[in-house]
Amino acid sequence: MIPAPTNREALGLVAGFGLWSLTFLLLYGGHGLACGLGARPEDGAALTRILLLAVWIAMLAAHGALIVWFVRRLRAASDTLRFVRRASVVLAVAALVATFWTGLPVAALEICDGQSVGLPDPG
């Protein structure tokens, strides 16, 4: 009997870009939150940059672990599952590249430069 692809195989097709979307949410949401709370380059955006870089690096490592896991599963795949698992590896690598590209502004650009709106003054 030929094993059919399961939900786990289908999940593998979207897992890489699911991680990418989580990375995007955390990086840009965290950046927007920090800028909205008044972080400025001259007084404290360094902590924001460190936190965002830590998130970016952790998500890149998660992508790497996902790719390693997918490659191991690909090697053990039967002929019927090989195509889906190979597609999962290719999509996970594409998502890793997208995550790297998405996080580059955190590493290269100034945090909240000219974007700090701060909280309104109650007085």
Protein backbone atom coordinates (compact mmCIF):
# COMPACT_ATOMS: atom_id res chain seq x y z
CA MET A 1 0.00 0.00 0.00
CA ILE A 2 1.33 3.47 -0.92
CA PRO A 3 1.39 5.93 1.99
CA ALA A 4 -0.58 9.08 1.25
CA PRO A 5 0.61 12.53 2.27
CA THR A 6 -0.75 13.51 5.65
CA ASN A 7 -1.65 16.82 7.26
CA ARG A 8 1.88 16.89 8.64
CA GLU A 9 3.23 16.95 5.09
CA ALA A 10 0.89 19.79 4.16
CA LEU A 11 1.94 21.69 7.27
CA GLY A 12 5.55 21.36 6.12
CA LEU A 13 4.69 23.29 2.97
CA VAL A 14 3.63 26.37 4.95
CA ALA A 15 5.84 26.08 8.05
CA GLY A 16 8.73 28.14 6.67
CA PHE A 17 6.61 31.09 5.64
CA GLY A 18 4.62 30.75 8.86
CA LEU A 19 7.89 31.37 10.71
CA TRP A 20 8.66 34.25 8.35
CA SER A 21 5.30 35.87 9.11
CA LEU A 22 5.89 35.49 12.84
CA THR A 23 9.30 37.10 12.42
CA PHE A 24 7.77 39.97 10.45
CA LEU A 25 5.13 40.49 13.12
CA LEU A 26 7.65 40.47 15.97
CA LEU A 27 10.23 42.69 14.28
CA TYR A 28 7.97 45.34 12.84
CA GLY A 29 5.45 45.21 15.64
CA GLY A 30 8.24 45.53 18.21
CA HIS A 31 9.80 48.38 16.26
CA GLY A 32 6.49 50.20 15.97
CA LEU A 33 5.74 49.69 19.66
CA ALA A 34 9.16 51.01 20.70
CA CYS A 35 8.85 54.05 18.45
CA GLY A 36 5.30 54.67 19.63
CA LEU A 37 6.46 54.61 23.23
CA GLY A 38 9.06 57.24 22.45
CA ALA A 39 12.34 55.39 21.84
CA ARG A 40 14.79 57.71 20.12
CA PRO A 41 18.26 56.99 18.71
CA GLU A 42 19.91 59.34 21.19
CA ASP A 43 18.43 57.91 24.38
CA GLY A 44 17.69 54.25 24.52
CA ALA A 45 17.04 52.82 21.10
CA ALA A 46 20.16 50.68 21.62
CA LEU A 47 18.17 48.35 23.88
CA THR A 48 15.43 48.19 21.26
CA ARG A 49 17.99 47.31 18.60
CA ILE A 50 19.51 44.58 20.80
CA LEU A 51 16.09 43.04 21.46
CA LEU A 52 15.07 43.16 17.81
CA LEU A 53 18.40 41.68 16.71
CA ALA A 54 18.00 38.90 19.27
CA VAL A 55 14.53 38.11 17.89
CA TRP A 56 15.87 38.15 14.32
CA ILE A 57 18.80 35.85 15.14
CA ALA A 58 16.56 33.46 17.09
CA MET A 59 14.13 33.25 14.18
CA LEU A 60 16.98 32.64 11.71
CA ALA A 61 18.14 29.80 13.97
CA ALA A 62 14.58 28.42 14.06
CA HIS A 63 14.52 28.48 10.26
CA GLY A 64 17.84 26.63 10.18
CA ALA A 65 16.54 23.98 12.56
CA LEU A 66 13.39 23.59 10.46
CA ILE A 67 15.44 23.10 7.29
CA VAL A 68 17.67 20.50 8.98
CA TRP A 69 14.59 18.63 10.17
CA PHE A 70 13.01 18.76 6.71
CA VAL A 71 16.20 17.48 5.05
CA ARG A 72 16.36 14.57 7.49
CA ARG A 73 12.75 13.72 6.73
CA LEU A 74 13.44 14.01 2.99
CA ARG A 75 16.21 11.43 3.21
CA ALA A 76 13.85 8.95 4.89
CA ALA A 77 10.96 9.62 2.49
CA SER A 78 9.34 7.05 0.26
CA ASP A 79 8.99 7.84 -3.42
CA THR A 80 5.42 9.05 -3.00
CA LEU A 81 6.34 11.54 -0.27
CA ARG A 82 9.62 12.70 -1.78
CA PHE A 83 8.08 15.46 -3.93
CA VAL A 84 6.11 17.04 -1.06
CA ARG A 85 9.08 16.87 1.29
CA ARG A 86 11.44 18.30 -1.33
CA ALA A 87 8.98 21.15 -1.89
CA SER A 88 8.92 21.72 1.89
CA VAL A 89 12.71 22.05 1.93
CA VAL A 90 12.72 24.47 -1.01
CA LEU A 91 9.98 26.61 0.54
CA ALA A 92 11.73 26.60 3.92
CA VAL A 93 14.97 27.81 2.30
CA ALA A 94 13.04 30.54 0.46
CA ALA A 95 11.46 31.57 3.77
CA LEU A 96 14.91 31.69 5.40
CA VAL A 97 16.10 34.06 2.68
CA ALA A 98 12.96 36.17 3.12
CA THR A 99 13.50 36.29 6.89
CA PHE A 100 17.10 37.37 6.42
CA TRP A 101 16.01 40.11 4.02
CA THR A 102 13.15 41.22 6.29
CA GLY A 103 15.48 41.64 9.27
CA LEU A 104 18.23 43.55 7.48
CA PRO A 105 16.73 46.99 8.26
CA VAL A 106 16.97 46.17 11.98
CA ALA A 107 20.70 45.61 11.61
CA ALA A 108 21.46 48.34 9.09
CA LEU A 109 19.17 51.30 9.80
CA GLU A 110 18.72 53.60 12.76
CA ILE A 111 15.92 52.61 15.14
CA CYS A 112 13.05 55.15 15.25
CA ASP A 113 15.06 57.76 13.35
CA GLY A 114 12.63 60.59 12.76
CA GLN A 115 9.65 58.36 13.50
CA SER A 116 9.28 58.77 17.24
CA VAL A 117 5.83 60.09 17.95
CA GLY A 118 5.79 59.35 21.68
CA LEU A 119 2.75 59.48 23.90
CA PRO A 120 0.65 62.64 23.97
CA ASP A 121 1.40 65.07 26.76
CA PRO A 122 -1.57 64.99 29.17
CA GLY A 123 -0.99 68.58 30.28
